[in-house]
Amino acid sequence: MKTYTISTAEKNFEKIKSGKKIIESRLFYDERKKFKIGDCLELVNEGDKNEKLLLKIKELIIKDSFEELFKSKAIKDFGYETIGDALKNVFLYYTKENEKKFGVIGIIVERIK
């Protein structure tokens, strides 16, 4: 079992902390190809880098696009009300070119502490 550190925007951090979000969506970069079920994520709050959560990876969902990913599970599990909201938010951080180049990953997590 390995532990990987990733950071996220404060609003997403708070959603995971409260349990309103259980799926983290990211580009499927090389580093993320190492993730395995049972590994841990140390999630760092970008708004307060001293605030962290420890999460266990329960499931990995690999898709070609964020739209496909968001349609694969309940959108509320991603922390959004609609797929449109989710897509609008994700493209604040990522480009369509990188989505096409790398593909995407949904990381279903369980909070450990």
C-alpha atoms as a PDB file:
ATOM      1  CA  MET A   1       0.000   0.000   0.000  1.00  0.00           C
ATOM      2  CA  LYS A   2       1.329   3.418  -1.009  1.00  0.00           C
ATOM      3  CA  THR A   3       0.281   6.923  -0.045  1.00  0.00           C
ATOM      4  CA  TYR A   4       0.140   9.659  -2.684  1.00  0.00           C
ATOM      5  CA  THR A   5      -0.239  13.364  -1.979  1.00  0.00           C
ATOM      6  CA  ILE A   6      -2.595  15.469  -4.094  1.00  0.00           C
ATOM      7  CA  SER A   7      -4.054  18.906  -3.506  1.00  0.00           C
ATOM      8  CA  THR A   8      -7.476  20.277  -4.292  1.00  0.00           C
ATOM      9  CA  ALA A   9      -9.336  23.570  -4.185  1.00  0.00           C
ATOM     10  CA  GLU A  10     -10.778  24.504  -0.809  1.00  0.00           C
ATOM     11  CA  LYS A  11     -14.407  24.058  -1.928  1.00  0.00           C
ATOM     12  CA  ASN A  12     -13.684  20.500  -3.138  1.00  0.00           C
ATOM     13  CA  PHE A  13     -11.698  19.738   0.013  1.00  0.00           C
ATOM     14  CA  GLU A  14     -14.661  20.790   2.150  1.00  0.00           C
ATOM     15  CA  LYS A  15     -17.053  18.615   0.115  1.00  0.00           C
ATOM     16  CA  ILE A  16     -14.865  15.563   0.672  1.00  0.00           C
ATOM     17  CA  LYS A  17     -14.365  16.434   4.333  1.00  0.00           C
ATOM     18  CA  SER A  18     -18.135  16.634   4.863  1.00  0.00           C
ATOM     19  CA  GLY A  19     -18.814  13.430   2.914  1.00  0.00           C
ATOM     20  CA  LYS A  20     -20.781  15.220   0.170  1.00  0.00           C
ATOM     21  CA  LYS A  21     -18.179  14.189  -2.399  1.00  0.00           C
ATOM     22  CA  ILE A  22     -16.731  10.678  -2.641  1.00  0.00           C
ATOM     23  CA  ILE A  23     -15.271  10.732  -6.165  1.00  0.00           C
ATOM     24  CA  GLU A  24     -12.272  12.860  -7.081  1.00  0.00           C
ATOM     25  CA  SER A  25     -11.913  13.465 -10.841  1.00  0.00           C
ATOM     26  CA  ARG A  26      -8.521  14.090 -12.436  1.00  0.00           C
ATOM     27  CA  LEU A  27      -6.594  13.750 -15.667  1.00  0.00           C
ATOM     28  CA  PHE A  28      -5.048  10.302 -15.981  1.00  0.00           C
ATOM     29  CA  TYR A  29      -1.384  11.395 -15.884  1.00  0.00           C
ATOM     30  CA  ASP A  30       1.433   8.827 -15.566  1.00  0.00           C
ATOM     31  CA  GLU A  31       1.689   9.293 -11.775  1.00  0.00           C
ATOM     32  CA  ARG A  32      -2.012   8.465 -11.403  1.00  0.00           C
ATOM     33  CA  LYS A  33      -1.555   5.250 -13.394  1.00  0.00           C
ATOM     34  CA  LYS A  34       0.269   3.924 -10.320  1.00  0.00           C
ATOM     35  CA  PHE A  35      -2.828   4.265  -8.096  1.00  0.00           C
ATOM     36  CA  LYS A  36      -4.249   0.969  -6.877  1.00  0.00           C
ATOM     37  CA  ILE A  37      -7.317   0.044  -4.870  1.00  0.00           C
ATOM     38  CA  GLY A  38      -6.298   0.064  -1.202  1.00  0.00           C
ATOM     39  CA  ASP A  39      -3.671   2.809  -1.667  1.00  0.00           C
ATOM     40  CA  CYS A  40      -4.108   6.049   0.258  1.00  0.00           C
ATOM     41  CA  LEU A  41      -4.341   9.664  -0.803  1.00  0.00           C
ATOM     42  CA  GLU A  42      -3.224  12.494   1.407  1.00  0.00           C
ATOM     43  CA  LEU A  43      -5.502  15.290   0.244  1.00  0.00           C
ATOM     44  CA  VAL A  44      -4.153  18.782   0.874  1.00  0.00           C
ATOM     45  CA  ASN A  45      -6.442  21.824   1.060  1.00  0.00           C
ATOM     46  CA  GLU A  46      -5.036  24.460  -1.340  1.00  0.00           C
ATOM     47  CA  GLY A  47      -6.711  27.145   0.799  1.00  0.00           C
ATOM     48  CA  ASP A  48      -4.855  26.018   3.949  1.00  0.00           C
ATOM     49  CA  LYS A  49      -1.938  23.714   3.152  1.00  0.00           C
ATOM     50  CA  ASN A  50      -1.799  22.601   6.810  1.00  0.00           C
ATOM     51  CA  GLU A  51      -5.244  21.024   6.504  1.00  0.00           C
ATOM     52  CA  LYS A  52      -5.117  17.471   5.168  1.00  0.00           C
ATOM     53  CA  LEU A  53      -7.330  14.402   4.917  1.00  0.00           C
ATOM     54  CA  LEU A  54      -6.270  10.789   4.613  1.00  0.00           C
ATOM     55  CA  LEU A  55      -8.364   8.866   2.110  1.00  0.00           C
ATOM     56  CA  LYS A  56      -8.397   5.228   1.024  1.00  0.00           C
ATOM     57  CA  ILE A  57      -8.898   4.405  -2.666  1.00  0.00           C
ATOM     58  CA  LYS A  58     -11.969   2.159  -2.958  1.00  0.00           C
ATOM     59  CA  GLU A  59     -12.417   2.090  -6.747  1.00  0.00           C
ATOM     60  CA  LEU A  60     -10.856   3.573  -9.893  1.00  0.00           C
ATOM     61  CA  ILE A  61     -12.855   4.554 -12.975  1.00  0.00           C
ATOM     62  CA  ILE A  62     -10.890   5.243 -16.155  1.00  0.00           C
ATOM     63  CA  LYS A  63     -12.628   6.958 -19.065  1.00  0.00           C
ATOM     64  CA  ASP A  64     -11.749   8.895 -22.210  1.00  0.00           C
ATOM     65  CA  SER A  65     -13.555  12.088 -21.166  1.00  0.00           C
ATOM     66  CA  PHE A  66     -14.903  13.882 -18.128  1.00  0.00           C
ATOM     67  CA  GLU A  67     -18.400  13.752 -19.615  1.00  0.00           C
ATOM     68  CA  GLU A  68     -18.171   9.942 -19.821  1.00  0.00           C
ATOM     69  CA  LEU A  69     -16.817   9.832 -16.276  1.00  0.00           C
ATOM     70  CA  PHE A  70     -19.583  12.047 -14.873  1.00  0.00           C
ATOM     71  CA  LYS A  71     -22.224   9.895 -16.580  1.00  0.00           C
ATOM     72  CA  SER A  72     -20.775   6.685 -15.109  1.00  0.00           C
ATOM     73  CA  LYS A  73     -21.854   7.343 -11.490  1.00  0.00           C
ATOM     74  CA  ALA A  74     -24.328   9.561  -9.627  1.00  0.00           C
ATOM     75  CA  ILE A  75     -23.280  13.164 -10.247  1.00  0.00           C
ATOM     76  CA  LYS A  76     -23.817  14.025  -6.563  1.00  0.00           C
ATOM     77  CA  ASP A  77     -20.978  11.605  -5.713  1.00  0.00           C
ATOM     78  CA  PHE A  78     -18.665  13.965  -7.634  1.00  0.00           C
ATOM     79  CA  GLY A  79     -19.920  16.857  -5.497  1.00  0.00           C
ATOM     80  CA  TYR A  80     -22.110  18.504  -8.158  1.00  0.00           C
ATOM     81  CA  GLU A  81     -25.802  18.980  -8.837  1.00  0.00           C
ATOM     82  CA  THR A  82     -25.592  18.586 -12.630  1.00  0.00           C
ATOM     83  CA  ILE A  83     -23.180  17.231 -15.226  1.00  0.00           C
ATOM     84  CA  GLY A  84     -23.078  20.732 -16.733  1.00  0.00           C
ATOM     85  CA  ASP A  85     -21.859  22.179 -13.426  1.00  0.00           C
ATOM     86  CA  ALA A  86     -19.229  19.446 -13.141  1.00  0.00           C
ATOM     87  CA  LEU A  87     -17.926  20.011 -16.675  1.00  0.00           C
ATOM     88  CA  LYS A  88     -17.826  23.783 -16.227  1.00  0.00           C
ATOM     89  CA  ASN A  89     -15.795  23.394 -13.040  1.00  0.00           C
ATOM     90  CA  VAL A  90     -13.354  20.754 -14.291  1.00  0.00           C
ATOM     91  CA  PHE A  91     -12.411  22.846 -17.321  1.00  0.00           C
ATOM     92  CA  LEU A  92     -11.364  25.686 -15.024  1.00  0.00           C
ATOM     93  CA  TYR A  93      -8.410  23.408 -14.158  1.00  0.00           C
ATOM     94  CA  TYR A  94      -7.887  21.255 -17.250  1.00  0.00           C
ATOM     95  CA  THR A  95      -7.919  21.752 -21.022  1.00  0.00           C
ATOM     96  CA  LYS A  96      -9.839  19.749 -23.610  1.00  0.00           C
ATOM     97  CA  GLU A  97      -6.474  19.009 -25.265  1.00  0.00           C
ATOM     98  CA  ASN A  98      -5.118  17.388 -22.099  1.00  0.00           C
ATOM     99  CA  GLU A  99      -8.376  15.519 -21.545  1.00  0.00           C
ATOM    100  CA  LYS A 100      -7.992  14.022 -25.025  1.00  0.00           C
ATOM    101  CA  LYS A 101      -4.239  13.353 -24.551  1.00  0.00           C
ATOM    102  CA  PHE A 102      -4.348  11.674 -21.118  1.00  0.00           C
ATOM    103  CA  GLY A 103      -7.914  10.489 -20.542  1.00  0.00           C
ATOM    104  CA  VAL A 104      -9.466  10.856 -17.094  1.00  0.00           C
ATOM    105  CA  ILE A 105      -9.747   8.992 -13.824  1.00  0.00           C
ATOM    106  CA  GLY A 106     -12.404   8.964 -11.149  1.00  0.00           C
ATOM    107  CA  ILE A 107     -11.043   8.019  -7.734  1.00  0.00           C
ATOM    108  CA  ILE A 108     -13.693   6.733  -5.348  1.00  0.00           C
ATOM    109  CA  VAL A 109     -12.439   7.358  -1.825  1.00  0.00           C
ATOM    110  CA  GLU A 110     -13.311   6.645   1.765  1.00  0.00           C
ATOM    111  CA  ARG A 111     -12.155   9.017   4.449  1.00  0.00           C
ATOM    112  CA  ILE A 112      -9.814   7.417   6.981  1.00  0.00           C
ATOM    113  CA  LYS A 113      -9.066  10.558   9.006  1.00  0.00           C
END
